[in-house]
Each structure stands twice: as C-alpha cells, then as structure tokens.
Amino acid sequence: MAREKIQIRKINNATARQVTFSKRRRGLFKKAEELSILCDAEVGLIVFSSTGKLFEFSSSSMKQIIEKQNTQSRNLSKQDQPSNDLQLENSDYERLSKQLEEANRQLRNMRGDDLHDLTIEELQQLEKTLETGLRRVLRRKGEQIMEQINDLRKKGLQLMEENRCLRQQVVEMSKMGKQIVAESENVLHEEGQSSDSITNISNSGNSRENDDSSDTSLRLG
C-alpha cells in the first residue's frame, strides 16, 4: 500500500513539531555525512531550532569551512565587479555617443547643412538661435574694436609724452652748449687781455733800458 504523502507546511502541534524536527535533523545530518564520505566533499551544516538551539555538522573543522566560504564569496564579488564596471562604461559610452551625434547634427544645421529633415518649428528655433549668436558676435566684435581704440589712444598719449620729454632734453642740451661756448669765449678773451698786458710790460721795460743807456752816454760825453 502506498505511503501517504505529507503536505509540507508548518506543524501547529508543538510536540509533533519537535518530534519531526529531531527526526528530520538526524536524517539531514546523516545525508550530509554520506555526501562528504562518498564525494570527498567538505560539508558544513548549521541548524537553529525554533527555540534558538544550535545544531551543527561539519566534515572537518567548521571554522575552516566558514573561512573558506567567506573567501570564496569575496572572490566572487571581485569577479563580478569588473563586469558591473564594464556595463557602466558601456552605458556611459552609448550616452556620450548620442550626445556627440546630437551636437554634430546641431553644428551641421547651424552651418546650413542637413536642413531638409527639419520641421517649421525646428527651423524657426534654429533661426532664433543664429540671430542670438550673431548679436553676441557683433557685440563682442564692437567690444574688441573699442579695446583696440583705447589701447591706441593710450599709446598715442604715451608717445606724445615721450616726445615732449625729448624736446625738453634737447632744449636743455642746447642751453648747456651755448653756456659752454660763452664760457670758452670768456676764457679766451681773458687770456688775450693777459697777453697784451705782458707785451706792454715788456715794452715799458725796454724803453726804460733805452733811457738809462742814453743817460749813461750823456754822462760819459
């Protein structure tokens, strides 16, 4: 006669639940032991009862099995990380590619290319954008022209100031030259007067000598 199949659900009777737990736990531990022996596998089994009591089975050291499981989990997470990074990079690449394609399309439209696919609204928006850009270009152009004009004015004023300084230096040098010429002429004039006085003194000396000689000749006569 076939054995009646038990419906898998929580057993409400506490005594029957405890009996079933004990039987099933022993059977589970027996199956785990057989698995470790037959297949040369490392098996670690941990069970907590409804009351919180711990039951465990391990084919070797439970601590070593748990450490091995933690190491394996970390290795798996490291292996999954490059895959996740690669997916993020691919999504970023696709997003950036779309942005680049859209920017290139807008640039071609601003140049007047590929306009046949645009609607009236898009053409009007493009026209407004070009007008705004043109006004900004003209305004910036005017600012640069004014900056260049101001720079030229400053350079002109600087050149005029330098020219004035040079003229003043030339005038001062001319005055100094005239003063030097006047002083040299005075020196020459003074030297000429001193030579004339020396000539007069020598002439007076000679006349005296002539008078003395004449007196002497008179006396001798």
N, C-alpha and C. Protein backbone atom coordinates (compact mmCIF):
# COMPACT_ATOMS: atom_id res chain seq x y z
N MET A 1 0.85 -1.18 0.00
CA MET A 1 0.00 0.00 0.00
C MET A 1 0.90 1.24 0.00
N ALA A 2 0.61 2.24 -0.84
CA ALA A 2 1.45 3.42 -0.98
C ALA A 2 1.37 4.28 0.27
N ARG A 3 2.54 4.85 0.59
CA ARG A 3 2.63 5.70 1.78
C ARG A 3 2.01 7.07 1.46
N GLU A 4 1.25 7.57 2.42
CA GLU A 4 0.57 8.84 2.20
C GLU A 4 1.59 9.97 2.22
N LYS A 5 1.49 10.86 1.26
CA LYS A 5 2.42 11.99 1.12
C LYS A 5 2.02 13.09 2.11
N ILE A 6 3.02 13.52 2.86
CA ILE A 6 2.77 14.54 3.87
C ILE A 6 2.83 15.91 3.22
N GLN A 7 1.87 16.75 3.52
CA GLN A 7 1.84 18.09 2.99
C GLN A 7 2.88 18.95 3.72
N ILE A 8 3.71 19.64 2.96
CA ILE A 8 4.79 20.45 3.54
C ILE A 8 4.20 21.78 3.98
N ARG A 9 4.04 21.93 5.28
CA ARG A 9 3.60 23.17 5.88
C ARG A 9 3.93 23.10 7.36
N LYS A 10 3.78 24.25 8.02
CA LYS A 10 4.16 24.31 9.42
C LYS A 10 3.23 23.42 10.26
N ILE A 11 3.88 22.68 11.17
CA ILE A 11 3.12 21.80 12.06
C ILE A 11 2.67 22.63 13.25
N ASN A 12 1.39 22.70 13.46
CA ASN A 12 0.86 23.55 14.53
C ASN A 12 1.08 22.95 15.91
N ASN A 13 1.02 21.62 16.04
CA ASN A 13 1.22 20.98 17.33
C ASN A 13 2.69 21.07 17.70
N ALA A 14 2.98 21.62 18.88
CA ALA A 14 4.37 21.84 19.28
C ALA A 14 5.08 20.52 19.52
N THR A 15 4.40 19.53 20.12
CA THR A 15 5.06 18.25 20.39
C THR A 15 5.38 17.53 19.11
N ALA A 16 4.41 17.49 18.19
CA ALA A 16 4.64 16.83 16.91
C ALA A 16 5.72 17.58 16.11
N ARG A 17 5.73 18.89 16.23
CA ARG A 17 6.75 19.68 15.52
C ARG A 17 8.13 19.37 16.05
N GLN A 18 8.27 19.20 17.37
CA GLN A 18 9.58 18.90 17.94
C GLN A 18 10.03 17.50 17.55
N VAL A 19 9.11 16.54 17.54
CA VAL A 19 9.47 15.18 17.14
C VAL A 19 9.92 15.15 15.68
N THR A 20 9.17 15.82 14.83
CA THR A 20 9.53 15.87 13.42
C THR A 20 10.89 16.55 13.23
N PHE A 21 11.13 17.60 14.00
CA PHE A 21 12.43 18.31 13.89
C PHE A 21 13.58 17.38 14.24
N SER A 22 13.44 16.62 15.31
CA SER A 22 14.51 15.71 15.73
C SER A 22 14.77 14.65 14.67
N LYS A 23 13.68 14.05 14.13
CA LYS A 23 13.86 13.00 13.12
C LYS A 23 14.50 13.57 11.85
N ARG A 24 13.96 14.66 11.37
CA ARG A 24 14.47 15.23 10.12
C ARG A 24 15.92 15.74 10.29
N ARG A 25 16.24 16.28 11.47
CA ARG A 25 17.59 16.76 11.70
C ARG A 25 18.58 15.61 11.65
N ARG A 26 18.25 14.51 12.29
CA ARG A 26 19.16 13.37 12.27
C ARG A 26 19.32 12.84 10.85
N GLY A 27 18.21 12.81 10.10
CA GLY A 27 18.31 12.35 8.72
C GLY A 27 19.15 13.30 7.85
N LEU A 28 18.98 14.62 8.09
CA LEU A 28 19.75 15.60 7.32
C LEU A 28 21.23 15.49 7.62
N PHE A 29 21.57 15.33 8.88
CA PHE A 29 22.98 15.20 9.25
C PHE A 29 23.57 13.91 8.68
N LYS A 30 22.75 12.83 8.64
CA LYS A 30 23.23 11.56 8.08
C LYS A 30 23.50 11.71 6.59
N LYS A 31 22.59 12.40 5.88
CA LYS A 31 22.79 12.62 4.44
C LYS A 31 24.04 13.49 4.18
N ALA A 32 24.26 14.49 5.05
CA ALA A 32 25.45 15.33 4.90
C ALA A 32 26.72 14.53 5.12
N GLU A 33 26.70 13.63 6.11
CA GLU A 33 27.88 12.80 6.35
C GLU A 33 28.13 11.87 5.17
N GLU A 34 27.08 11.26 4.65
CA GLU A 34 27.24 10.38 3.49
C GLU A 34 27.79 11.14 2.28
N LEU A 35 27.29 12.36 2.09
CA LEU A 35 27.77 13.18 0.96
C LEU A 35 29.26 13.48 1.09
N SER A 36 29.71 13.82 2.30
CA SER A 36 31.13 14.13 2.50
C SER A 36 32.00 12.90 2.29
N ILE A 37 31.50 11.71 2.70
CA ILE A 37 32.30 10.49 2.57
C ILE A 37 32.31 10.00 1.13
N LEU A 38 31.17 9.93 0.50
CA LEU A 38 31.08 9.39 -0.84
C LEU A 38 31.75 10.29 -1.88
N CYS A 39 31.60 11.58 -1.74
CA CYS A 39 32.08 12.53 -2.77
C CYS A 39 33.32 13.29 -2.35
N ASP A 40 33.88 12.95 -1.20
CA ASP A 40 35.08 13.63 -0.69
C ASP A 40 34.87 15.15 -0.71
N ALA A 41 33.74 15.57 -0.16
CA ALA A 41 33.38 16.99 -0.14
C ALA A 41 33.46 17.51 1.28
N GLU A 42 33.72 18.82 1.34
CA GLU A 42 33.71 19.48 2.65
C GLU A 42 32.30 19.99 2.90
N VAL A 43 31.69 19.50 3.95
CA VAL A 43 30.29 19.82 4.24
C VAL A 43 30.23 20.46 5.61
N GLY A 44 29.52 21.56 5.70
CA GLY A 44 29.25 22.23 6.96
C GLY A 44 27.78 22.54 7.04
N LEU A 45 27.14 22.10 8.09
CA LEU A 45 25.70 22.24 8.21
C LEU A 45 25.39 22.85 9.57
N ILE A 46 24.61 23.93 9.56
CA ILE A 46 24.24 24.64 10.79
C ILE A 46 22.73 24.74 10.83
N VAL A 47 22.15 24.37 11.97
CA VAL A 47 20.69 24.38 12.12
C VAL A 47 20.37 25.00 13.47
N PHE A 48 19.40 25.95 13.45
CA PHE A 48 18.88 26.52 14.68
C PHE A 48 17.43 26.07 14.82
N SER A 49 17.10 25.58 15.97
CA SER A 49 15.73 25.15 16.23
C SER A 49 14.85 26.37 16.45
N SER A 50 13.55 26.12 16.59
CA SER A 50 12.61 27.22 16.83
C SER A 50 12.85 27.89 18.19
N THR A 51 13.49 27.18 19.08
CA THR A 51 13.80 27.74 20.40
C THR A 51 15.16 28.43 20.42
N GLY A 52 15.89 28.41 19.28
CA GLY A 52 17.19 29.07 19.20
C GLY A 52 18.35 28.17 19.53
N LYS A 53 18.12 26.86 19.68
CA LYS A 53 19.21 25.94 20.00
C LYS A 53 19.99 25.61 18.74
N LEU A 54 21.33 25.57 18.85
CA LEU A 54 22.21 25.35 17.71
C LEU A 54 22.54 23.87 17.56
N PHE A 55 22.43 23.41 16.31
CA PHE A 55 22.88 22.07 15.94
C PHE A 55 23.75 22.23 14.69
N GLU A 56 24.92 21.57 14.69
CA GLU A 56 25.82 21.73 13.55
C GLU A 56 26.51 20.41 13.24
N PHE A 57 26.89 20.27 11.96
CA PHE A 57 27.66 19.12 11.49
C PHE A 57 28.71 19.65 10.51
N SER A 58 29.93 19.14 10.60
CA SER A 58 30.99 19.52 9.67
C SER A 58 31.85 18.31 9.41
N SER A 59 32.23 18.14 8.14
CA SER A 59 33.08 17.02 7.78
C SER A 59 34.52 17.22 8.25
N SER A 60 34.91 18.49 8.47
CA SER A 60 36.24 18.80 9.02
C SER A 60 36.05 19.84 10.12
N SER A 61 36.80 20.94 10.05
CA SER A 61 36.65 22.00 11.03
C SER A 61 35.60 22.99 10.52
N MET A 62 34.62 23.28 11.37
CA MET A 62 33.58 24.22 10.99
C MET A 62 34.16 25.61 10.76
N LYS A 63 35.16 26.02 11.55
CA LYS A 63 35.78 27.34 11.40
C LYS A 63 36.48 27.46 10.04
N GLN A 64 37.20 26.40 9.65
CA GLN A 64 37.89 26.43 8.36
C GLN A 64 36.89 26.47 7.20
N ILE A 65 35.80 25.76 7.35
CA ILE A 65 34.78 25.76 6.29
C ILE A 65 34.16 27.15 6.15
N ILE A 66 33.87 27.79 7.28
CA ILE A 66 33.27 29.14 7.23
C ILE A 66 34.26 30.13 6.63
N GLU A 67 35.54 30.06 7.01
CA GLU A 67 36.55 30.97 6.44
C GLU A 67 36.70 30.75 4.93
N LYS A 68 36.66 29.48 4.53
CA LYS A 68 36.74 29.18 3.11
C LYS A 68 35.54 29.73 2.35
N GLN A 69 34.36 29.64 2.97
CA GLN A 69 33.15 30.17 2.34
C GLN A 69 33.22 31.69 2.20
N ASN A 70 33.74 32.39 3.24
CA ASN A 70 33.88 33.84 3.18
C ASN A 70 34.87 34.26 2.10
N THR A 71 35.99 33.54 2.02
CA THR A 71 36.99 33.86 0.99
C THR A 71 36.42 33.68 -0.41
N GLN A 72 35.66 32.58 -0.58
CA GLN A 72 35.06 32.33 -1.89
C GLN A 72 34.04 33.41 -2.25
N SER A 73 33.30 33.88 -1.26
CA SER A 73 32.30 34.93 -1.52
C SER A 73 32.99 36.24 -1.93
N ARG A 74 34.10 36.56 -1.25
CA ARG A 74 34.83 37.78 -1.62
C ARG A 74 35.39 37.67 -3.03
N ASN A 75 35.92 36.52 -3.38
CA ASN A 75 36.46 36.34 -4.73
C ASN A 75 35.38 36.47 -5.79
N LEU A 76 34.20 35.93 -5.50
CA LEU A 76 33.10 36.04 -6.46
C LEU A 76 32.66 37.49 -6.63
N SER A 77 32.63 38.23 -5.50
CA SER A 77 32.25 39.64 -5.60
C SER A 77 33.27 40.44 -6.41
N LYS A 78 34.57 40.11 -6.26
CA LYS A 78 35.61 40.78 -7.05
C LYS A 78 35.48 40.44 -8.53
N GLN A 79 35.11 39.21 -8.81
CA GLN A 79 34.94 38.83 -10.22
C GLN A 79 33.73 39.51 -10.85
N ASP A 80 32.70 39.73 -10.04
CA ASP A 80 31.51 40.41 -10.57
C ASP A 80 31.72 41.90 -10.73
N GLN A 81 32.65 42.49 -9.98
CA GLN A 81 32.85 43.93 -10.03
C GLN A 81 33.29 44.43 -11.41
N PRO A 82 34.31 43.80 -12.07
CA PRO A 82 34.67 44.26 -13.42
C PRO A 82 33.52 44.20 -14.41
N SER A 83 32.66 43.18 -14.25
CA SER A 83 31.53 43.06 -15.15
C SER A 83 30.57 44.24 -14.96
N ASN A 84 30.34 44.64 -13.69
CA ASN A 84 29.48 45.78 -13.43
C ASN A 84 30.11 47.07 -13.95
N ASP A 85 31.44 47.21 -13.75
CA ASP A 85 32.12 48.41 -14.25
C ASP A 85 32.05 48.47 -15.76
N LEU A 86 32.18 47.31 -16.40
CA LEU A 86 32.12 47.28 -17.86
C LEU A 86 30.74 47.69 -18.35
N GLN A 87 29.70 47.25 -17.66
CA GLN A 87 28.36 47.64 -18.04
C GLN A 87 28.15 49.15 -17.89
N LEU A 88 28.68 49.71 -16.79
CA LEU A 88 28.57 51.16 -16.60
C LEU A 88 29.33 51.91 -17.69
N GLU A 89 30.52 51.43 -18.04
CA GLU A 89 31.30 52.08 -19.09
C GLU A 89 30.58 52.01 -20.43
N ASN A 90 29.97 50.88 -20.70
CA ASN A 90 29.23 50.75 -21.97
C ASN A 90 28.04 51.70 -22.02
N SER A 91 27.33 51.81 -20.89
CA SER A 91 26.18 52.72 -20.86
C SER A 91 26.64 54.17 -21.01
N ASP A 92 27.76 54.52 -20.34
CA ASP A 92 28.30 55.89 -20.47
C ASP A 92 28.75 56.16 -21.91
N TYR A 93 29.36 55.15 -22.52
CA TYR A 93 29.82 55.32 -23.90
C TYR A 93 28.65 55.55 -24.85
N GLU A 94 27.58 54.79 -24.65
CA GLU A 94 26.40 54.97 -25.50
C GLU A 94 25.78 56.36 -25.29
N ARG A 95 25.71 56.78 -24.03
CA ARG A 95 25.13 58.10 -23.75
C ARG A 95 25.98 59.21 -24.37
N LEU A 96 27.30 59.12 -24.20
CA LEU A 96 28.18 60.14 -24.77
C LEU A 96 28.15 60.12 -26.30
N SER A 97 28.02 58.92 -26.86
CA SER A 97 27.94 58.83 -28.32
C SER A 97 26.69 59.52 -28.85
N LYS A 98 25.58 59.34 -28.15
CA LYS A 98 24.35 60.02 -28.56
C LYS A 98 24.48 61.53 -28.43
N GLN A 99 25.09 61.98 -27.34
CA GLN A 99 25.28 63.42 -27.16
C GLN A 99 26.18 63.99 -28.25
N LEU A 100 27.24 63.27 -28.60
CA LEU A 100 28.14 63.74 -29.65
C LEU A 100 27.44 63.79 -31.00
N GLU A 101 26.65 62.78 -31.28
CA GLU A 101 25.92 62.76 -32.54
C GLU A 101 24.93 63.93 -32.62
N GLU A 102 24.24 64.22 -31.51
CA GLU A 102 23.30 65.33 -31.49
C GLU A 102 24.02 66.66 -31.66
N ALA A 103 25.19 66.81 -31.00
CA ALA A 103 25.95 68.05 -31.14
C ALA A 103 26.44 68.24 -32.58
N ASN A 104 26.88 67.17 -33.21
CA ASN A 104 27.32 67.27 -34.61
C ASN A 104 26.16 67.65 -35.53
N ARG A 105 24.98 67.11 -35.25
CA ARG A 105 23.82 67.44 -36.07
C ARG A 105 23.46 68.91 -35.92
N GLN A 106 23.47 69.42 -34.69
CA GLN A 106 23.17 70.83 -34.48
C GLN A 106 24.21 71.72 -35.15
N LEU A 107 25.47 71.31 -35.12
CA LEU A 107 26.52 72.10 -35.77
C LEU A 107 26.32 72.13 -37.28
N ARG A 108 25.96 70.99 -37.86
CA ARG A 108 25.70 70.97 -39.30
C ARG A 108 24.50 71.84 -39.65
N ASN A 109 23.49 71.83 -38.80
CA ASN A 109 22.31 72.67 -39.06
C ASN A 109 22.68 74.16 -38.99
N MET A 110 23.52 74.53 -38.03
CA MET A 110 23.94 75.93 -37.94
C MET A 110 24.77 76.35 -39.14
N ARG A 111 25.45 75.41 -39.75
CA ARG A 111 26.20 75.72 -40.96
C ARG A 111 25.32 75.76 -42.21
N GLY A 112 24.06 75.37 -42.05
CA GLY A 112 23.15 75.36 -43.18
C GLY A 112 23.07 74.03 -43.89
N ASP A 113 23.57 72.96 -43.26
CA ASP A 113 23.56 71.62 -43.87
C ASP A 113 22.47 70.77 -43.21
N ASP A 114 22.02 69.78 -43.96
CA ASP A 114 21.04 68.79 -43.46
C ASP A 114 19.80 69.47 -42.89
N LEU A 115 19.24 70.40 -43.64
CA LEU A 115 18.05 71.11 -43.19
C LEU A 115 16.76 70.50 -43.71
N HIS A 116 16.86 69.54 -44.62
CA HIS A 116 15.64 69.02 -45.25
C HIS A 116 14.80 68.19 -44.30
N ASP A 117 15.39 67.67 -43.21
CA ASP A 117 14.63 66.85 -42.27
C ASP A 117 14.01 67.67 -41.14
N LEU A 118 14.26 68.98 -41.11
CA LEU A 118 13.76 69.82 -40.02
C LEU A 118 12.35 70.31 -40.32
N THR A 119 11.58 70.45 -39.27
CA THR A 119 10.22 70.97 -39.39
C THR A 119 10.25 72.51 -39.34
N ILE A 120 9.07 73.12 -39.53
CA ILE A 120 8.97 74.57 -39.48
C ILE A 120 9.38 75.10 -38.10
N GLU A 121 8.89 74.41 -37.06
CA GLU A 121 9.22 74.85 -35.70
C GLU A 121 10.72 74.74 -35.44
N GLU A 122 11.33 73.66 -35.89
CA GLU A 122 12.77 73.50 -35.69
C GLU A 122 13.56 74.54 -36.48
N LEU A 123 13.10 74.86 -37.69
CA LEU A 123 13.78 75.90 -38.48
C LEU A 123 13.65 77.26 -37.81
N GLN A 124 12.47 77.57 -37.27
CA GLN A 124 12.29 78.84 -36.57
C GLN A 124 13.18 78.91 -35.33
N GLN A 125 13.27 77.81 -34.60
CA GLN A 125 14.14 77.77 -33.42
C GLN A 125 15.60 77.95 -33.82
N LEU A 126 15.98 77.31 -34.93
CA LEU A 126 17.35 77.46 -35.42
C LEU A 126 17.63 78.91 -35.83
N GLU A 127 16.64 79.55 -36.46
CA GLU A 127 16.80 80.95 -36.86
C GLU A 127 16.99 81.85 -35.64
N LYS A 128 16.20 81.64 -34.59
CA LYS A 128 16.35 82.42 -33.38
C LYS A 128 17.73 82.20 -32.75
N THR A 129 18.16 80.96 -32.76
CA THR A 129 19.48 80.67 -32.18
C THR A 129 20.58 81.37 -32.95
N LEU A 130 20.49 81.35 -34.30
CA LEU A 130 21.50 82.01 -35.12
C LEU A 130 21.47 83.52 -34.92
N GLU A 131 20.27 84.10 -34.81
CA GLU A 131 20.18 85.54 -34.58
C GLU A 131 20.79 85.93 -33.23
N THR A 132 20.49 85.13 -32.23
CA THR A 132 21.08 85.40 -30.91
C THR A 132 22.60 85.29 -30.95
N GLY A 133 23.09 84.26 -31.61
CA GLY A 133 24.54 84.11 -31.73
C GLY A 133 25.17 85.24 -32.52
N LEU A 134 24.49 85.70 -33.59
CA LEU A 134 25.02 86.80 -34.38
C LEU A 134 25.09 88.08 -33.57
N ARG A 135 24.06 88.35 -32.77
CA ARG A 135 24.09 89.55 -31.92
C ARG A 135 25.25 89.48 -30.92
N ARG A 136 25.47 88.30 -30.36
CA ARG A 136 26.59 88.17 -29.42
C ARG A 136 27.93 88.37 -30.12
N VAL A 137 28.04 87.86 -31.35
CA VAL A 137 29.30 88.03 -32.10
C VAL A 137 29.54 89.49 -32.41
N LEU A 138 28.51 90.20 -32.86
CA LEU A 138 28.66 91.63 -33.17
C LEU A 138 28.99 92.44 -31.93
N ARG A 139 28.34 92.11 -30.82
CA ARG A 139 28.63 92.83 -29.58
C ARG A 139 30.08 92.60 -29.15
N ARG A 140 30.53 91.37 -29.24
CA ARG A 140 31.91 91.06 -28.85
C ARG A 140 32.90 91.73 -29.81
N LYS A 141 32.55 91.78 -31.09
CA LYS A 141 33.39 92.45 -32.07
C LYS A 141 33.52 93.93 -31.75
N GLY A 142 32.40 94.59 -31.42
CA GLY A 142 32.44 96.00 -31.05
C GLY A 142 33.28 96.23 -29.81
N GLU A 143 33.16 95.34 -28.83
CA GLU A 143 33.97 95.48 -27.61
C GLU A 143 35.45 95.39 -27.92
N GLN A 144 35.84 94.45 -28.78
CA GLN A 144 37.25 94.32 -29.13
C GLN A 144 37.74 95.54 -29.91
N ILE A 145 36.90 96.10 -30.80
CA ILE A 145 37.30 97.31 -31.53
C ILE A 145 37.52 98.47 -30.58
N MET A 146 36.61 98.64 -29.61
CA MET A 146 36.76 99.71 -28.64
C MET A 146 38.01 99.51 -27.78
N GLU A 147 38.29 98.27 -27.43
CA GLU A 147 39.50 98.00 -26.66
C GLU A 147 40.75 98.36 -27.46
N GLN A 148 40.76 98.02 -28.75
CA GLN A 148 41.90 98.38 -29.59
C GLN A 148 42.03 99.90 -29.73
N ILE A 149 40.90 100.61 -29.87
CA ILE A 149 40.94 102.07 -29.97
C ILE A 149 41.50 102.68 -28.69
N ASN A 150 41.07 102.19 -27.54
CA ASN A 150 41.57 102.70 -26.26
C ASN A 150 43.06 102.43 -26.11
N ASP A 151 43.49 101.24 -26.55
CA ASP A 151 44.92 100.93 -26.48
C ASP A 151 45.72 101.88 -27.37
N LEU A 152 45.21 102.17 -28.59
CA LEU A 152 45.92 103.08 -29.48
C LEU A 152 45.96 104.50 -28.90
N ARG A 153 44.88 104.93 -28.25
CA ARG A 153 44.89 106.24 -27.61
C ARG A 153 45.93 106.31 -26.50
N LYS A 154 45.97 105.28 -25.71
CA LYS A 154 46.96 105.26 -24.63
C LYS A 154 48.37 105.29 -25.19
N LYS A 155 48.62 104.52 -26.26
CA LYS A 155 49.95 104.53 -26.88
C LYS A 155 50.26 105.90 -27.47
N GLY A 156 49.25 106.57 -28.09
CA GLY A 156 49.47 107.89 -28.64
C GLY A 156 49.84 108.91 -27.56
N LEU A 157 49.10 108.88 -26.43
CA LEU A 157 49.43 109.77 -25.33
C LEU A 157 50.82 109.49 -24.77
N GLN A 158 51.15 108.22 -24.70
CA GLN A 158 52.47 107.86 -24.20
C GLN A 158 53.57 108.37 -25.14
N LEU A 159 53.35 108.26 -26.46
CA LEU A 159 54.33 108.76 -27.43
C LEU A 159 54.46 110.28 -27.36
N MET A 160 53.32 110.97 -27.19
CA MET A 160 53.37 112.42 -27.06
C MET A 160 54.14 112.83 -25.82
N GLU A 161 53.94 112.14 -24.73
CA GLU A 161 54.69 112.45 -23.51
C GLU A 161 56.18 112.20 -23.70
N GLU A 162 56.52 111.11 -24.35
CA GLU A 162 57.93 110.83 -24.62
C GLU A 162 58.53 111.89 -25.54
N ASN A 163 57.76 112.34 -26.55
CA ASN A 163 58.24 113.37 -27.46
C ASN A 163 58.48 114.69 -26.72
N ARG A 164 57.57 115.03 -25.79
CA ARG A 164 57.74 116.25 -25.01
C ARG A 164 59.00 116.19 -24.15
N CYS A 165 59.22 115.04 -23.55
CA CYS A 165 60.42 114.87 -22.72
C CYS A 165 61.69 115.00 -23.56
N LEU A 166 61.65 114.42 -24.77
CA LEU A 166 62.82 114.52 -25.64
C LEU A 166 63.08 115.96 -26.07
N ARG A 167 62.02 116.70 -26.38
CA ARG A 167 62.18 118.11 -26.75
C ARG A 167 62.77 118.92 -25.61
N GLN A 168 62.28 118.64 -24.40
CA GLN A 168 62.81 119.35 -23.24
C GLN A 168 64.29 119.03 -23.04
N GLN A 169 64.65 117.77 -23.24
CA GLN A 169 66.06 117.41 -23.12
C GLN A 169 66.91 118.11 -24.18
N VAL A 170 66.36 118.22 -25.41
CA VAL A 170 67.11 118.90 -26.48
C VAL A 170 67.31 120.37 -26.14
N VAL A 171 66.26 121.02 -25.63
CA VAL A 171 66.37 122.43 -25.25
C VAL A 171 67.41 122.61 -24.15
N GLU A 172 67.37 121.76 -23.14
CA GLU A 172 68.35 121.85 -22.06
C GLU A 172 69.77 121.63 -22.56
N MET A 173 69.92 120.65 -23.46
CA MET A 173 71.24 120.41 -24.02
C MET A 173 71.71 121.60 -24.85
N SER A 174 70.80 122.27 -25.59
CA SER A 174 71.16 123.46 -26.37
C SER A 174 71.60 124.59 -25.46
N LYS A 175 70.86 124.80 -24.36
CA LYS A 175 71.25 125.82 -23.40
C LYS A 175 72.62 125.54 -22.81
N MET A 176 72.85 124.29 -22.45
CA MET A 176 74.14 123.93 -21.89
C MET A 176 75.26 124.16 -22.91
N GLY A 177 74.99 123.86 -24.21
CA GLY A 177 76.00 124.08 -25.24
C GLY A 177 76.32 125.55 -25.40
N LYS A 178 75.29 126.42 -25.39
CA LYS A 178 75.52 127.86 -25.51
C LYS A 178 76.31 128.38 -24.32
N GLN A 179 75.98 127.85 -23.13
CA GLN A 179 76.70 128.29 -21.93
C GLN A 179 78.16 127.88 -21.99
N ILE A 180 78.41 126.68 -22.49
CA ILE A 180 79.79 126.22 -22.61
C ILE A 180 80.55 127.08 -23.61
N VAL A 181 79.90 127.44 -24.74
CA VAL A 181 80.56 128.29 -25.76
C VAL A 181 80.87 129.66 -25.18
N ALA A 182 79.92 130.24 -24.41
CA ALA A 182 80.15 131.57 -23.81
C ALA A 182 81.30 131.53 -22.82
N GLU A 183 81.31 130.48 -22.02
CA GLU A 183 82.40 130.37 -21.04
C GLU A 183 83.74 130.22 -21.74
N SER A 184 83.80 129.48 -22.83
CA SER A 184 85.06 129.32 -23.55
C SER A 184 85.49 130.64 -24.18
N GLU A 185 84.51 131.43 -24.69
CA GLU A 185 84.87 132.72 -25.26
C GLU A 185 85.40 133.66 -24.19
N ASN A 186 84.81 133.64 -23.01
CA ASN A 186 85.30 134.48 -21.91
C ASN A 186 86.71 134.10 -21.52
N VAL A 187 86.96 132.79 -21.49
CA VAL A 187 88.31 132.34 -21.14
C VAL A 187 89.31 132.81 -22.17
N LEU A 188 88.96 132.70 -23.44
CA LEU A 188 89.87 133.15 -24.50
C LEU A 188 90.09 134.65 -24.43
N HIS A 189 89.01 135.42 -24.11
CA HIS A 189 89.14 136.86 -24.01
C HIS A 189 90.07 137.26 -22.87
N GLU A 190 89.90 136.60 -21.75
CA GLU A 190 90.76 136.87 -20.61
C GLU A 190 92.21 136.53 -20.92
N GLU A 191 92.41 135.42 -21.61
CA GLU A 191 93.78 135.04 -21.98
C GLU A 191 94.38 136.07 -22.92
N GLY A 192 93.58 136.65 -23.86
CA GLY A 192 94.08 137.67 -24.77
C GLY A 192 94.48 138.93 -24.02
N GLN A 193 93.66 139.34 -23.04
CA GLN A 193 93.99 140.52 -22.24
C GLN A 193 95.27 140.32 -21.45
N SER A 194 95.47 139.17 -20.92
CA SER A 194 96.69 138.90 -20.14
C SER A 194 97.92 138.95 -21.03
N SER A 195 97.84 138.50 -22.26
CA SER A 195 98.99 138.54 -23.18
C SER A 195 99.32 139.97 -23.56
N ASP A 196 98.28 140.83 -23.74
CA ASP A 196 98.51 142.24 -24.06
C ASP A 196 99.20 142.94 -22.92
N SER A 197 98.80 142.65 -21.71
CA SER A 197 99.45 143.29 -20.55
C SER A 197 100.90 142.89 -20.45
N ILE A 198 101.18 141.64 -20.74
CA ILE A 198 102.57 141.18 -20.70
C ILE A 198 103.39 141.91 -21.76
N THR A 199 102.83 142.12 -22.96
CA THR A 199 103.54 142.82 -24.04
C THR A 199 103.83 144.26 -23.65
N ASN A 200 102.84 144.94 -23.02
CA ASN A 200 103.03 146.32 -22.58
C ASN A 200 104.11 146.42 -21.54
N ILE A 201 104.12 145.48 -20.62
CA ILE A 201 105.14 145.50 -19.57
C ILE A 201 106.51 145.32 -20.16
N SER A 202 106.63 144.42 -21.12
CA SER A 202 107.94 144.20 -21.74
C SER A 202 108.38 145.43 -22.52
N ASN A 203 107.45 146.13 -23.20
CA ASN A 203 107.79 147.33 -23.95
C ASN A 203 108.24 148.44 -23.03
N SER A 204 107.54 148.62 -21.88
CA SER A 204 107.95 149.65 -20.92
C SER A 204 109.32 149.35 -20.35
N GLY A 205 109.64 148.14 -20.16
CA GLY A 205 110.96 147.75 -19.65
C GLY A 205 112.03 148.10 -20.65
N ASN A 206 111.76 147.87 -21.92
CA ASN A 206 112.76 148.19 -22.95
C ASN A 206 112.99 149.69 -23.05
N SER A 207 111.90 150.51 -22.92
CA SER A 207 112.06 151.97 -23.00
C SER A 207 112.88 152.48 -21.86
N ARG A 208 112.67 151.91 -20.68
CA ARG A 208 113.48 152.32 -19.55
C ARG A 208 114.94 151.99 -19.77
N GLU A 209 115.21 150.84 -20.30
CA GLU A 209 116.59 150.47 -20.57
C GLU A 209 117.22 151.43 -21.57
N ASN A 210 116.46 151.87 -22.58
CA ASN A 210 116.96 152.81 -23.58
C ASN A 210 117.25 154.16 -22.94
N ASP A 211 116.38 154.60 -22.02
CA ASP A 211 116.60 155.87 -21.35
C ASP A 211 117.83 155.81 -20.49
N ASP A 212 118.02 154.74 -19.78
CA ASP A 212 119.21 154.57 -18.93
C ASP A 212 120.49 154.63 -19.76
N SER A 213 120.45 153.95 -20.92
CA SER A 213 121.65 153.92 -21.78
C SER A 213 121.96 155.32 -22.33
N SER A 214 120.86 156.06 -22.64
CA SER A 214 121.09 157.41 -23.14
C SER A 214 121.67 158.31 -22.07
N ASP A 215 121.19 158.19 -20.84
CA ASP A 215 121.74 158.98 -19.74
C ASP A 215 123.19 158.64 -19.52
N THR A 216 123.49 157.40 -19.61
CA THR A 216 124.88 156.97 -19.38
C THR A 216 125.78 157.52 -20.46
N SER A 217 125.31 157.53 -21.67
CA SER A 217 126.14 158.07 -22.75
C SER A 217 126.32 159.56 -22.61
N LEU A 218 125.28 160.26 -22.13
CA LEU A 218 125.42 161.68 -21.90
C LEU A 218 126.42 161.98 -20.84
N ARG A 219 126.36 161.22 -19.79
CA ARG A 219 127.29 161.43 -18.70
C ARG A 219 128.71 161.16 -19.17
N LEU A 220 128.88 160.14 -19.90
CA LEU A 220 130.22 159.82 -20.37
C LEU A 220 130.72 160.92 -21.34
N GLY A 221 129.83 161.49 -22.11
CA GLY A 221 130.28 162.55 -23.05
C GLY A 221 130.59 163.80 -22.29
